[in-house]
PDB file of N, CA and C in Angstrom:
ATOM      1  N   UNK A   1      29.005 -51.815  13.235  1.00  0.00           N
ATOM      2  CA  UNK A   1      28.323 -51.313  14.411  1.00  0.00           C
ATOM      3  C   UNK A   1      27.707 -52.476  15.203  1.00  0.00           C
ATOM      4  N   UNK A   2      27.181 -53.441  14.481  1.00  0.00           N
ATOM      5  CA  UNK A   2      26.561 -54.584  15.160  1.00  0.00           C
ATOM      6  C   UNK A   2      27.611 -55.432  15.882  1.00  0.00           C
ATOM      7  N   UNK A   3      28.805 -55.536  15.291  1.00  0.00           N
ATOM      8  CA  UNK A   3      29.889 -56.274  15.942  1.00  0.00           C
ATOM      9  C   UNK A   3      30.276 -55.603  17.265  1.00  0.00           C
ATOM     10  N   UNK A   4      30.358 -54.293  17.242  1.00  0.00           N
ATOM     11  CA  UNK A   4      30.699 -53.541  18.449  1.00  0.00           C
ATOM     12  C   UNK A   4      29.614 -53.711  19.510  1.00  0.00           C
ATOM     13  N   UNK A   5      28.357 -53.683  19.108  1.00  0.00           N
ATOM     14  CA  UNK A   5      27.245 -53.881  20.046  1.00  0.00           C
ATOM     15  C   UNK A   5      27.337 -55.262  20.714  1.00  0.00           C
ATOM     16  N   UNK A   6      27.678 -56.284  19.937  1.00  0.00           N
ATOM     17  CA  UNK A   6      27.810 -57.639  20.493  1.00  0.00           C
ATOM     18  C   UNK A   6      28.941 -57.713  21.506  1.00  0.00           C
ATOM     19  N   UNK A   7      30.064 -57.063  21.191  1.00  0.00           N
ATOM     20  CA  UNK A   7      31.206 -57.046  22.113  1.00  0.00           C
ATOM     21  C   UNK A   7      30.825 -56.347  23.412  1.00  0.00           C
ATOM     22  N   UNK A   8      30.141 -55.217  23.300  1.00  0.00           N
ATOM     23  CA  UNK A   8      29.740 -54.479  24.494  1.00  0.00           C
ATOM     24  C   UNK A   8      28.750 -55.270  25.343  1.00  0.00           C
ATOM     25  N   UNK A   9      27.811 -55.945  24.704  1.00  0.00           N
ATOM     26  CA  UNK A   9      26.864 -56.787  25.450  1.00  0.00           C
ATOM     27  C   UNK A   9      27.591 -57.917  26.167  1.00  0.00           C
ATOM     28  N   UNK A  10      28.583 -58.498  25.501  1.00  0.00           N
ATOM     29  CA  UNK A  10      29.369 -59.567  26.110  1.00  0.00           C
ATOM     30  C   UNK A  10      30.139 -59.040  27.320  1.00  0.00           C
ATOM     31  N   UNK A  11      30.746 -57.861  27.189  1.00  0.00           N
ATOM     32  CA  UNK A  11      31.486 -57.275  28.305  1.00  0.00           C
ATOM     33  C   UNK A  11      30.552 -56.929  29.458  1.00  0.00           C
ATOM     34  N   UNK A  12      29.369 -56.473  29.126  1.00  0.00           N
ATOM     35  CA  UNK A  12      28.386 -56.115  30.154  1.00  0.00           C
ATOM     36  C   UNK A  12      28.028 -57.326  31.016  1.00  0.00           C
ATOM     37  N   UNK A  13      27.945 -58.472  30.377  1.00  0.00           N
ATOM     38  CA  UNK A  13      27.575 -59.684  31.117  1.00  0.00           C
ATOM     39  C   UNK A  13      28.745 -60.284  31.899  1.00  0.00           C
ATOM     40  N   UNK A  14      29.972 -59.912  31.550  1.00  0.00           N
ATOM     41  CA  UNK A  14      31.146 -60.492  32.201  1.00  0.00           C
ATOM     42  C   UNK A  14      31.590 -59.757  33.463  1.00  0.00           C
ATOM     43  N   UNK A  15      31.164 -58.512  33.623  1.00  0.00           N
ATOM     44  CA  UNK A  15      31.610 -57.719  34.765  1.00  0.00           C
ATOM     45  C   UNK A  15      30.460 -57.577  35.750  1.00  0.00           C
ATOM     46  N   UNK A  16      30.652 -58.089  36.927  1.00  0.00           N
ATOM     47  CA  UNK A  16      29.628 -58.022  37.960  1.00  0.00           C
ATOM     48  C   UNK A  16      29.351 -56.569  38.344  1.00  0.00           C
ATOM     49  N   UNK A  17      28.094 -56.186  38.290  1.00  0.00           N
ATOM     50  CA  UNK A  17      27.697 -54.842  38.687  1.00  0.00           C
ATOM     51  C   UNK A  17      27.810 -53.794  37.600  1.00  0.00           C
ATOM     52  N   UNK A  18      28.210 -54.182  36.391  1.00  0.00           N
ATOM     53  CA  UNK A  18      28.277 -53.227  35.291  1.00  0.00           C
ATOM     54  C   UNK A  18      26.887 -53.119  34.671  1.00  0.00           C
ATOM     55  N   UNK A  19      26.327 -51.914  34.673  1.00  0.00           N
ATOM     56  CA  UNK A  19      24.952 -51.709  34.229  1.00  0.00           C
ATOM     57  C   UNK A  19      24.839 -51.139  32.825  1.00  0.00           C
ATOM     58  N   UNK A  20      25.858 -50.425  32.387  1.00  0.00           N
ATOM     59  CA  UNK A  20      25.713 -49.712  31.120  1.00  0.00           C
ATOM     60  C   UNK A  20      27.086 -49.392  30.523  1.00  0.00           C
ATOM     61  N   UNK A  21      27.175 -49.498  29.208  1.00  0.00           N
ATOM     62  CA  UNK A  21      28.346 -49.037  28.465  1.00  0.00           C
ATOM     63  C   UNK A  21      27.812 -48.126  27.371  1.00  0.00           C
ATOM     64  N   UNK A  22      28.313 -46.899  27.356  1.00  0.00           N
ATOM     65  CA  UNK A  22      27.887 -45.924  26.353  1.00  0.00           C
ATOM     66  C   UNK A  22      29.094 -45.409  25.593  1.00  0.00           C
ATOM     67  N   UNK A  23      28.928 -45.247  24.314  1.00  0.00           N
ATOM     68  CA  UNK A  23      29.924 -44.569  23.502  1.00  0.00           C
ATOM     69  C   UNK A  23      29.223 -43.329  22.981  1.00  0.00           C
ATOM     70  N   UNK A  24      29.769 -42.165  23.330  1.00  0.00           N
ATOM     71  CA  UNK A  24      29.158 -40.904  22.940  1.00  0.00           C
ATOM     72  C   UNK A  24      30.170 -40.028  22.231  1.00  0.00           C
ATOM     73  N   UNK A  25      29.651 -38.979  21.619  1.00  0.00           N
ATOM     74  CA  UNK A  25      30.571 -37.973  21.098  1.00  0.00           C
ATOM     75  C   UNK A  25      30.915 -37.011  22.231  1.00  0.00           C
ATOM     76  N   UNK A  26      31.713 -36.040  21.954  1.00  0.00           N
ATOM     77  CA  UNK A  26      32.186 -35.093  22.967  1.00  0.00           C
ATOM     78  C   UNK A  26      31.040 -34.341  23.659  1.00  0.00           C
ATOM     79  N   UNK A  27      29.941 -34.150  22.935  1.00  0.00           N
ATOM     80  CA  UNK A  27      28.799 -33.419  23.474  1.00  0.00           C
ATOM     81  C   UNK A  27      27.837 -34.301  24.255  1.00  0.00           C
ATOM     82  N   UNK A  28      28.161 -35.571  24.410  1.00  0.00           N
ATOM     83  CA  UNK A  28      27.309 -36.479  25.165  1.00  0.00           C
ATOM     84  C   UNK A  28      26.210 -37.135  24.354  1.00  0.00           C
ATOM     85  N   UNK A  29      26.226 -36.950  23.048  1.00  0.00           N
ATOM     86  CA  UNK A  29      25.215 -37.566  22.192  1.00  0.00           C
ATOM     87  C   UNK A  29      25.572 -39.035  22.004  1.00  0.00           C
ATOM     88  N   UNK A  30      24.666 -39.946  22.400  1.00  0.00           N
ATOM     89  CA  UNK A  30      24.976 -41.375  22.293  1.00  0.00           C
ATOM     90  C   UNK A  30      25.176 -41.827  20.846  1.00  0.00           C
ATOM     91  N   UNK A  31      26.264 -42.547  20.627  1.00  0.00           N
ATOM     92  CA  UNK A  31      26.534 -43.180  19.342  1.00  0.00           C
ATOM     93  C   UNK A  31      26.137 -44.646  19.432  1.00  0.00           C
ATOM     94  N   UNK A  32      26.423 -45.259  20.578  1.00  0.00           N
ATOM     95  CA  UNK A  32      26.078 -46.655  20.829  1.00  0.00           C
ATOM     96  C   UNK A  32      25.872 -46.833  22.324  1.00  0.00           C
ATOM     97  N   UNK A  33      24.818 -47.561  22.682  1.00  0.00           N
ATOM     98  CA  UNK A  33      24.493 -47.733  24.095  1.00  0.00           C
ATOM     99  C   UNK A  33      23.977 -49.148  24.321  1.00  0.00           C
ATOM    100  N   UNK A  34      24.546 -49.820  25.325  1.00  0.00           N
ATOM    101  CA  UNK A  34      24.017 -51.105  25.786  1.00  0.00           C
ATOM    102  C   UNK A  34      23.838 -50.980  27.293  1.00  0.00           C
ATOM    103  N   UNK A  35      22.696 -51.443  27.786  1.00  0.00           N
ATOM    104  CA  UNK A  35      22.429 -51.269  29.205  1.00  0.00           C
ATOM    105  C   UNK A  35      21.507 -52.350  29.734  1.00  0.00           C
ATOM    106  N   UNK A  36      21.504 -52.444  31.060  1.00  0.00           N
ATOM    107  CA  UNK A  36      20.579 -53.333  31.747  1.00  0.00           C
ATOM    108  C   UNK A  36      19.473 -52.485  32.343  1.00  0.00           C
ATOM    109  N   UNK A  37      18.497 -53.123  32.920  1.00  0.00           N
ATOM    110  CA  UNK A  37      17.391 -52.386  33.530  1.00  0.00           C
ATOM    111  C   UNK A  37      17.808 -51.679  34.824  1.00  0.00           C
ATOM    112  N   UNK A  38      18.998 -51.964  35.338  1.00  0.00           N
ATOM    113  CA  UNK A  38      19.485 -51.320  36.562  1.00  0.00           C
ATOM    114  C   UNK A  38      20.221 -50.012  36.304  1.00  0.00           C
ATOM    115  N   UNK A  39      20.427 -49.669  35.041  1.00  0.00           N
ATOM    116  CA  UNK A  39      21.133 -48.431  34.703  1.00  0.00           C
ATOM    117  C   UNK A  39      20.265 -47.231  35.072  1.00  0.00           C
ATOM    118  N   UNK A  40      20.823 -46.266  35.798  1.00  0.00           N
ATOM    119  CA  UNK A  40      20.044 -45.080  36.164  1.00  0.00           C
ATOM    120  C   UNK A  40      19.763 -44.214  34.936  1.00  0.00           C
ATOM    121  N   UNK A  41      18.518 -43.873  34.740  1.00  0.00           N
ATOM    122  CA  UNK A  41      18.096 -43.125  33.559  1.00  0.00           C
ATOM    123  C   UNK A  41      18.796 -41.776  33.444  1.00  0.00           C
ATOM    124  N   UNK A  42      18.913 -41.058  34.537  1.00  0.00           N
ATOM    125  CA  UNK A  42      19.511 -39.721  34.488  1.00  0.00           C
ATOM    126  C   UNK A  42      20.969 -39.747  34.051  1.00  0.00           C
ATOM    127  N   UNK A  43      21.682 -40.790  34.380  1.00  0.00           N
ATOM    128  CA  UNK A  43      23.107 -40.875  34.036  1.00  0.00           C
ATOM    129  C   UNK A  43      23.340 -41.214  32.575  1.00  0.00           C
ATOM    130  N   UNK A  44      22.307 -41.602  31.851  1.00  0.00           N
ATOM    131  CA  UNK A  44      22.467 -41.944  30.436  1.00  0.00           C
ATOM    132  C   UNK A  44      22.024 -40.800  29.523  1.00  0.00           C
ATOM    133  N   UNK A  45      21.655 -39.680  30.105  1.00  0.00           N
ATOM    134  CA  UNK A  45      21.197 -38.528  29.320  1.00  0.00           C
ATOM    135  C   UNK A  45      22.386 -37.681  28.856  1.00  0.00           C
ATOM    136  N   UNK A  46      22.266 -37.116  27.647  1.00  0.00           N
ATOM    137  CA  UNK A  46      23.360 -36.287  27.127  1.00  0.00           C
ATOM    138  C   UNK A  46      23.746 -35.129  28.049  1.00  0.00           C
ATOM    139  N   UNK A  47      22.792 -34.561  28.758  1.00  0.00           N
ATOM    140  CA  UNK A  47      23.122 -33.431  29.640  1.00  0.00           C
ATOM    141  C   UNK A  47      24.102 -33.844  30.735  1.00  0.00           C
ATOM    142  N   UNK A  48      24.008 -35.079  31.221  1.00  0.00           N
ATOM    143  CA  UNK A  48      24.951 -35.573  32.217  1.00  0.00           C
ATOM    144  C   UNK A  48      26.258 -35.990  31.555  1.00  0.00           C
ATOM    145  N   UNK A  49      26.169 -36.708  30.457  1.00  0.00           N
ATOM    146  CA  UNK A  49      27.357 -37.250  29.797  1.00  0.00           C
ATOM    147  C   UNK A  49      28.252 -36.159  29.209  1.00  0.00           C
ATOM    148  N   UNK A  50      27.672 -35.036  28.841  1.00  0.00           N
ATOM    149  CA  UNK A  50      28.473 -33.961  28.247  1.00  0.00           C
ATOM    150  C   UNK A  50      29.377 -33.279  29.270  1.00  0.00           C
ATOM    151  N   UNK A  51      29.145 -33.492  30.540  1.00  0.00           N
ATOM    152  CA  UNK A  51      29.972 -32.846  31.566  1.00  0.00           C
ATOM    153  C   UNK A  51      31.416 -33.355  31.544  1.00  0.00           C
ATOM    154  N   UNK A  52      31.650 -34.526  30.992  1.00  0.00           N
ATOM    155  CA  UNK A  52      33.007 -35.055  30.901  1.00  0.00           C
ATOM    156  C   UNK A  52      33.882 -34.137  30.053  1.00  0.00           C
ATOM    157  N   UNK A  53      33.348 -33.700  28.912  1.00  0.00           N
ATOM    158  CA  UNK A  53      34.102 -32.793  28.052  1.00  0.00           C
ATOM    159  C   UNK A  53      34.466 -31.508  28.770  1.00  0.00           C
ATOM    160  N   UNK A  54      33.543 -30.990  29.549  1.00  0.00           N
ATOM    161  CA  UNK A  54      33.818 -29.774  30.326  1.00  0.00           C
ATOM    162  C   UNK A  54      34.870 -30.037  31.398  1.00  0.00           C
ATOM    163  N   UNK A  55      34.765 -31.190  32.046  1.00  0.00           N
ATOM    164  CA  UNK A  55      35.709 -31.527  33.123  1.00  0.00           C
ATOM    165  C   UNK A  55      37.131 -31.672  32.602  1.00  0.00           C
ATOM    166  N   UNK A  56      37.306 -32.308  31.449  1.00  0.00           N
ATOM    167  CA  UNK A  56      38.676 -32.465  30.938  1.00  0.00           C
ATOM    168  C   UNK A  56      39.231 -31.129  30.462  1.00  0.00           C
ATOM    169  N   UNK A  57      38.354 -30.252  29.964  1.00  0.00           N
ATOM    170  CA  UNK A  57      38.827 -28.913  29.581  1.00  0.00           C
ATOM    171  C   UNK A  57      39.285 -28.130  30.810  1.00  0.00           C
ATOM    172  N   UNK A  58      38.512 -28.197  31.876  1.00  0.00           N
ATOM    173  CA  UNK A  58      38.883 -27.495  33.100  1.00  0.00           C
ATOM    174  C   UNK A  58      40.147 -28.106  33.716  1.00  0.00           C
ATOM    175  N   UNK A  59      40.221 -29.418  33.719  1.00  0.00           N
ATOM    176  CA  UNK A  59      41.386 -30.104  34.273  1.00  0.00           C
ATOM    177  C   UNK A  59      42.668 -29.779  33.536  1.00  0.00           C
ATOM    178  N   UNK A  60      42.561 -29.533  32.238  1.00  0.00           N
ATOM    179  CA  UNK A  60      43.766 -29.228  31.457  1.00  0.00           C
ATOM    180  C   UNK A  60      44.355 -27.881  31.858  1.00  0.00           C
ATOM    181  N   UNK A  61      43.575 -27.036  32.497  1.00  0.00           N
ATOM    182  CA  UNK A  61      44.067 -25.735  32.954  1.00  0.00           C
ATOM    183  C   UNK A  61      45.045 -25.870  34.118  1.00  0.00           C
ATOM    184  N   UNK A  62      45.121 -27.052  34.703  1.00  0.00           N
ATOM    185  CA  UNK A  62      46.081 -27.294  35.777  1.00  0.00           C
ATOM    186  C   UNK A  62      47.502 -27.462  35.245  1.00  0.00           C
ATOM    187  N   UNK A  63      47.616 -27.587  33.934  1.00  0.00           N
ATOM    188  CA  UNK A  63      48.926 -27.729  33.331  1.00  0.00           C
ATOM    189  C   UNK A  63      49.431 -29.163  33.302  1.00  0.00           C
ATOM    190  N   UNK A  64      48.544 -30.119  33.544  1.00  0.00           N
ATOM    191  CA  UNK A  64      48.934 -31.525  33.548  1.00  0.00           C
ATOM    192  C   UNK A  64      48.572 -32.240  32.254  1.00  0.00           C
ATOM    193  N   UNK A  65      47.999 -31.539  31.295  1.00  0.00           N
ATOM    194  CA  UNK A  65      47.572 -32.135  30.044  1.00  0.00           C
ATOM    195  C   UNK A  65      46.117 -32.572  30.122  1.00  0.00           C
ATOM    196  N   UNK A  66      45.654 -33.197  29.067  1.00  0.00           N
ATOM    197  CA  UNK A  66      44.266 -33.665  29.002  1.00  0.00           C
ATOM    198  C   UNK A  66      44.093 -34.910  29.867  1.00  0.00           C
ATOM    199  N   UNK A  67      42.957 -34.975  30.543  1.00  0.00           N
ATOM    200  CA  UNK A  67      42.647 -36.153  31.357  1.00  0.00           C
ATOM    201  C   UNK A  67      42.345 -37.336  30.442  1.00  0.00           C
ATOM    202  N   UNK A  68      42.814 -38.499  30.833  1.00  0.00           N
ATOM    203  CA  UNK A  68      42.527 -39.718  30.083  1.00  0.00           C
ATOM    204  C   UNK A  68      41.281 -40.408  30.616  1.00  0.00           C
ATOM    205  N   UNK A  69      41.110 -40.364  31.940  1.00  0.00           N
ATOM    206  CA  UNK A  69      40.014 -41.078  32.582  1.00  0.00           C
ATOM    207  C   UNK A  69      39.455 -40.240  33.725  1.00  0.00           C
ATOM    208  N   UNK A  70      38.147 -40.322  33.891  1.00  0.00           N
ATOM    209  CA  UNK A  70      37.483 -39.664  35.001  1.00  0.00           C
ATOM    210  C   UNK A  70      36.642 -40.711  35.724  1.00  0.00           C
ATOM    211  N   UNK A  71      36.837 -40.832  37.023  1.00  0.00           N
ATOM    212  CA  UNK A  71      36.086 -41.802  37.824  1.00  0.00           C
ATOM    213  C   UNK A  71      35.314 -41.038  38.894  1.00  0.00           C
ATOM    214  N   UNK A  72      34.015 -41.195  38.890  1.00  0.00           N
ATOM    215  CA  UNK A  72      33.154 -40.552  39.885  1.00  0.00           C
ATOM    216  C   UNK A  72      32.427 -41.639  40.654  1.00  0.00           C
ATOM    217  N   UNK A  73      32.445 -41.523  41.972  1.00  0.00           N
ATOM    218  CA  UNK A  73      31.716 -42.491  42.785  1.00  0.00           C
ATOM    219  C   UNK A  73      30.601 -41.785  43.527  1.00  0.00           C
ATOM    220  N   UNK A  74      29.480 -42.455  43.600  1.00  0.00           N
ATOM    221  CA  UNK A  74      28.292 -41.951  44.273  1.00  0.00           C
ATOM    222  C   UNK A  74      27.854 -42.996  45.298  1.00  0.00           C
ATOM    223  N   UNK A  75      26.776 -42.736  46.000  1.00  0.00           N
ATOM    224  CA  UNK A  75      26.351 -43.657  47.061  1.00  0.00           C
ATOM    225  C   UNK A  75      25.980 -45.035  46.519  1.00  0.00           C
ATOM    226  N   UNK A  76      25.424 -45.108  45.310  1.00  0.00           N
ATOM    227  CA  UNK A  76      25.012 -46.401  44.763  1.00  0.00           C
ATOM    228  C   UNK A  76      25.671 -46.753  43.438  1.00  0.00           C
ATOM    229  N   UNK A  77      26.329 -45.786  42.823  1.00  0.00           N
ATOM    230  CA  UNK A  77      26.868 -46.003  41.483  1.00  0.00           C
ATOM    231  C   UNK A  77      28.295 -45.469  41.380  1.00  0.00           C
ATOM    232  N   UNK A  78      28.966 -45.908  40.329  1.00  0.00           N
ATOM    233  CA  UNK A  78      30.219 -45.282  39.913  1.00  0.00           C
ATOM    234  C   UNK A  78      30.143 -45.090  38.406  1.00  0.00           C
ATOM    235  N   UNK A  79      30.736 -44.014  37.948  1.00  0.00           N
ATOM    236  CA  UNK A  79      30.762 -43.723  36.525  1.00  0.00           C
ATOM    237  C   UNK A  79      32.217 -43.528  36.131  1.00  0.00           C
ATOM    238  N   UNK A  80      32.625 -44.308  35.156  1.00  0.00           N
ATOM    239  CA  UNK A  80      33.996 -44.265  34.668  1.00  0.00           C
ATOM    240  C   UNK A  80      33.926 -43.826  33.216  1.00  0.00           C
ATOM    241  N   UNK A  81      34.614 -42.737  32.899  1.00  0.00           N
ATOM    242  CA  UNK A  81      34.605 -42.222  31.543  1.00  0.00           C
ATOM    243  C   UNK A  81      36.035 -42.170  31.021  1.00  0.00           C
ATOM    244  N   UNK A  82      36.205 -42.656  29.796  1.00  0.00           N
ATOM    245  CA  UNK A  82      37.527 -42.734  29.184  1.00  0.00           C
ATOM    246  C   UNK A  82      37.550 -41.849  27.947  1.00  0.00           C
ATOM    247  N   UNK A  83      38.564 -41.009  27.874  1.00  0.00           N
ATOM    248  CA  UNK A  83      38.734 -40.052  26.797  1.00  0.00           C
ATOM    249  C   UNK A  83      39.326 -40.746  25.570  1.00  0.00           C
ATOM    250  N   UNK A  84      38.541 -40.841  24.513  1.00  0.00           N
ATOM    251  CA  UNK A  84      38.994 -41.384  23.225  1.00  0.00           C
ATOM    252  C   UNK A  84      38.567 -40.418  22.130  1.00  0.00           C
ATOM    253  N   UNK A  85      38.801 -39.115  22.390  1.00  0.00           N
ATOM    254  CA  UNK A  85      38.272 -38.085  21.497  1.00  0.00           C
ATOM    255  C   UNK A  85      38.528 -38.416  20.041  1.00  0.00           C
ATOM    256  N   UNK A  86      37.492 -38.250  19.221  1.00  0.00           N
ATOM    257  CA  UNK A  86      36.244 -37.541  19.443  1.00  0.00           C
ATOM    258  C   UNK A  86      35.164 -38.353  20.168  1.00  0.00           C
ATOM    259  N   UNK A  87      35.508 -39.540  20.629  1.00  0.00           N
ATOM    260  CA  UNK A  87      34.540 -40.367  21.360  1.00  0.00           C
ATOM    261  C   UNK A  87      34.870 -40.409  22.844  1.00  0.00           C
ATOM    262  N   UNK A  88      33.859 -40.692  23.628  1.00  0.00           N
ATOM    263  CA  UNK A  88      34.023 -40.898  25.065  1.00  0.00           C
ATOM    264  C   UNK A  88      33.315 -42.201  25.406  1.00  0.00           C
ATOM    265  N   UNK A  89      34.016 -43.066  26.124  1.00  0.00           N
ATOM    266  CA  UNK A  89      33.418 -44.329  26.581  1.00  0.00           C
ATOM    267  C   UNK A  89      33.025 -44.129  28.035  1.00  0.00           C
ATOM    268  N   UNK A  90      31.766 -44.406  28.344  1.00  0.00           N
ATOM    269  CA  UNK A  90      31.264 -44.271  29.711  1.00  0.00           C
ATOM    270  C   UNK A  90      30.760 -45.615  30.207  1.00  0.00           C
ATOM    271  N   UNK A  91      31.174 -45.957  31.406  1.00  0.00           N
ATOM    272  CA  UNK A  91      30.720 -47.166  32.072  1.00  0.00           C
ATOM    273  C   UNK A  91      29.944 -46.737  33.313  1.00  0.00           C
ATOM    274  N   UNK A  92      28.771 -47.274  33.490  1.00  0.00           N
ATOM    275  CA  UNK A  92      27.980 -47.016  34.692  1.00  0.00           C
ATOM    276  C   UNK A  92      27.842 -48.346  35.410  1.00  0.00           C
ATOM    277  N   UNK A  93      28.240 -48.357  36.682  1.00  0.00           N
ATOM    278  CA  UNK A  93      28.276 -49.608  37.445  1.00  0.00           C
ATOM    279  C   UNK A  93      27.830 -49.354  38.877  1.00  0.00           C
ATOM    280  N   UNK A  94      27.640 -50.439  39.603  1.00  0.00           N
ATOM    281  CA  UNK A  94      27.311 -50.315  41.021  1.00  0.00           C
ATOM    282  C   UNK A  94      28.538 -49.797  41.768  1.00  0.00           C
ATOM    283  N   UNK A  95      28.303 -49.259  42.940  1.00  0.00           N
ATOM    284  CA  UNK A  95      29.413 -48.722  43.732  1.00  0.00           C
ATOM    285  C   UNK A  95      30.352 -49.814  44.214  1.00  0.00           C
ATOM    286  N   UNK A  96      29.907 -51.060  44.166  1.00  0.00           N
ATOM    287  CA  UNK A  96      30.738 -52.176  44.627  1.00  0.00           C
ATOM    288  C   UNK A  96      31.445 -52.913  43.482  1.00  0.00           C
ATOM    289  N   UNK A  97      31.188 -52.499  42.262  1.00  0.00           N
ATOM    290  CA  UNK A  97      31.822 -53.148  41.111  1.00  0.00           C
ATOM    291  C   UNK A  97      33.321 -52.853  41.113  1.00  0.00           C
ATOM    292  N   UNK A  98      34.109 -53.763  40.562  1.00  0.00           N
ATOM    293  CA  UNK A  98      35.558 -53.648  40.537  1.00  0.00           C
ATOM    294  C   UNK A  98      35.990 -52.614  39.487  1.00  0.00           C
ATOM    295  N   UNK A  99      36.428 -51.460  39.957  1.00  0.00           N
ATOM    296  CA  UNK A  99      36.802 -50.357  39.075  1.00  0.00           C
ATOM    297  C   UNK A  99      37.969 -50.733  38.166  1.00  0.00           C
ATOM    298  N   UNK A 100      38.946 -51.426  38.691  1.00  0.00           N
ATOM    299  CA  UNK A 100      40.090 -51.855  37.885  1.00  0.00           C
ATOM    300  C   UNK A 100      39.688 -52.789  36.767  1.00  0.00           C
ATOM    301  N   UNK A 101      38.748 -53.663  37.051  1.00  0.00           N
ATOM    302  CA  UNK A 101      38.249 -54.589  36.035  1.00  0.00           C
ATOM    303  C   UNK A 101      37.569 -53.803  34.910  1.00  0.00           C
ATOM    304  N   UNK A 102      36.792 -52.802  35.287  1.00  0.00           N
ATOM    305  CA  UNK A 102      36.111 -51.978  34.284  1.00  0.00           C
ATOM    306  C   UNK A 102      37.130 -51.216  33.446  1.00  0.00           C
ATOM    307  N   UNK A 103      38.146 -50.652  34.076  1.00  0.00           N
ATOM    308  CA  UNK A 103      39.184 -49.936  33.329  1.00  0.00           C
ATOM    309  C   UNK A 103      39.905 -50.867  32.351  1.00  0.00           C
ATOM    310  N   UNK A 104      40.030 -52.129  32.717  1.00  0.00           N
ATOM    311  CA  UNK A 104      40.675 -53.113  31.857  1.00  0.00           C
ATOM    312  C   UNK A 104      39.890 -53.439  30.596  1.00  0.00           C
ATOM    313  N   UNK A 105      38.621 -53.083  30.562  1.00  0.00           N
ATOM    314  CA  UNK A 105      37.795 -53.352  29.374  1.00  0.00           C
ATOM    315  C   UNK A 105      38.207 -52.493  28.179  1.00  0.00           C
ATOM    316  N   UNK A 106      38.921 -51.433  28.449  1.00  0.00           N
ATOM    317  CA  UNK A 106      39.351 -50.528  27.391  1.00  0.00           C
ATOM    318  C   UNK A 106      40.102 -51.262  26.285  1.00  0.00           C
ATOM    319  N   UNK A 107      40.938 -52.217  26.656  1.00  0.00           N
ATOM    320  CA  UNK A 107      41.744 -52.920  25.646  1.00  0.00           C
ATOM    321  C   UNK A 107      40.895 -53.769  24.705  1.00  0.00           C
ATOM    322  N   UNK A 108      39.697 -54.150  25.136  1.00  0.00           N
ATOM    323  CA  UNK A 108      38.808 -54.922  24.268  1.00  0.00           C
ATOM    324  C   UNK A 108      38.007 -54.020  23.341  1.00  0.00           C
ATOM    325  N   UNK A 109      37.758 -52.802  23.785  1.00  0.00           N
ATOM    326  CA  UNK A 109      36.939 -51.876  23.011  1.00  0.00           C
ATOM    327  C   UNK A 109      37.769 -51.083  22.007  1.00  0.00           C
ATOM    328  N   UNK A 110      38.988 -50.720  22.372  1.00  0.00           N
ATOM    329  CA  UNK A 110      39.846 -49.881  21.522  1.00  0.00           C
ATOM    330  C   UNK A 110      39.937 -50.323  20.065  1.00  0.00           C
ATOM    331  N   UNK A 111      40.225 -51.591  19.783  1.00  0.00           N
ATOM    332  CA  UNK A 111      40.383 -51.988  18.378  1.00  0.00           C
ATOM    333  C   UNK A 111      39.107 -51.809  17.548  1.00  0.00           C
ATOM    334  N   UNK A 112      37.979 -51.812  18.216  1.00  0.00           N
ATOM    335  CA  UNK A 112      36.716 -51.716  17.499  1.00  0.00           C
ATOM    336  C   UNK A 112      36.264 -50.275  17.264  1.00  0.00           C
ATOM    337  N   UNK A 113      36.979 -49.315  17.832  1.00  0.00           N
ATOM    338  CA  UNK A 113      36.579 -47.921  17.727  1.00  0.00           C
ATOM    339  C   UNK A 113      37.122 -47.206  16.496  1.00  0.00           C
ATOM    340  N   UNK A 114      38.007 -47.824  15.764  1.00  0.00           N
ATOM    341  CA  UNK A 114      38.688 -47.149  14.657  1.00  0.00           C
ATOM    342  C   UNK A 114      37.689 -46.581  13.647  1.00  0.00           C
ATOM    343  N   UNK A 115      36.810 -47.404  13.118  1.00  0.00           N
ATOM    344  CA  UNK A 115      35.855 -46.938  12.110  1.00  0.00           C
ATOM    345  C   UNK A 115      34.848 -45.962  12.696  1.00  0.00           C
ATOM    346  N   UNK A 116      34.441 -46.221  13.918  1.00  0.00           N
ATOM    347  CA  UNK A 116      33.485 -45.339  14.589  1.00  0.00           C
ATOM    348  C   UNK A 116      34.099 -43.957  14.826  1.00  0.00           C
ATOM    349  N   UNK A 117      35.360 -43.924  15.205  1.00  0.00           N
ATOM    350  CA  UNK A 117      36.060 -42.661  15.419  1.00  0.00           C
ATOM    351  C   UNK A 117      36.138 -41.862  14.122  1.00  0.00           C
ATOM    352  N   UNK A 118      36.431 -42.538  13.026  1.00  0.00           N
ATOM    353  CA  UNK A 118      36.515 -41.859  11.734  1.00  0.00           C
ATOM    354  C   UNK A 118      35.160 -41.291  11.314  1.00  0.00           C
ATOM    355  N   UNK A 119      34.097 -42.052  11.562  1.00  0.00           N
ATOM    356  CA  UNK A 119      32.757 -41.598  11.194  1.00  0.00           C
ATOM    357  C   UNK A 119      32.347 -40.366  12.012  1.00  0.00           C
ATOM    358  N   UNK A 120      32.644 -40.380  13.301  1.00  0.00           N
ATOM    359  CA  UNK A 120      32.281 -39.253  14.141  1.00  0.00           C
ATOM    360  C   UNK A 120      33.138 -38.037  13.808  1.00  0.00           C
ATOM    361  N   UNK A 121      34.418 -38.248  13.557  1.00  0.00           N
ATOM    362  CA  UNK A 121      35.324 -37.143  13.224  1.00  0.00           C
ATOM    363  C   UNK A 121      34.905 -36.456  11.932  1.00  0.00           C
ATOM    364  N   UNK A 122      34.387 -37.226  10.966  1.00  0.00           N
ATOM    365  CA  UNK A 122      33.957 -36.657   9.696  1.00  0.00           C
ATOM    366  C   UNK A 122      32.724 -35.781   9.833  1.00  0.00           C
ATOM    367  N   UNK A 123      31.888 -36.044  10.835  1.00  0.00           N
ATOM    368  CA  UNK A 123      30.658 -35.277  10.996  1.00  0.00           C
ATOM    369  C   UNK A 123      30.857 -34.024  11.834  1.00  0.00           C
ATOM    370  N   UNK A 124      32.022 -33.859  12.461  1.00  0.00           N
ATOM    371  CA  UNK A 124      32.236 -32.699  13.319  1.00  0.00           C
ATOM    372  C   UNK A 124      32.980 -31.611  12.638  1.00  0.00           C
TER     373      UNK A 124
END
């Protein structure tokens, strides 16, 4: 867990405008969180983060399958959530941050999620 935290902190410092990286379960309960003081408090709450699970369930009703990624942009922020069920990776960044660069971080995080995924899957 500490190795994953170090990797996330390193990624946070490498991407301009990236304020927060959260790994949560499907219900929005944080498993691991690294953030800066610029991260909006409301966006890091489980009540907000759990909406991703609802959105992918609703989106699957379109007949296109499960969503892999959800990108929401707001006036000052963008939130990028990646489906790694039973985990969800959420990135909170400024509206001017490079979205493609943030999406590219997935390849650095994926290898480190194996044990975490097993631990979360066992508790559900």
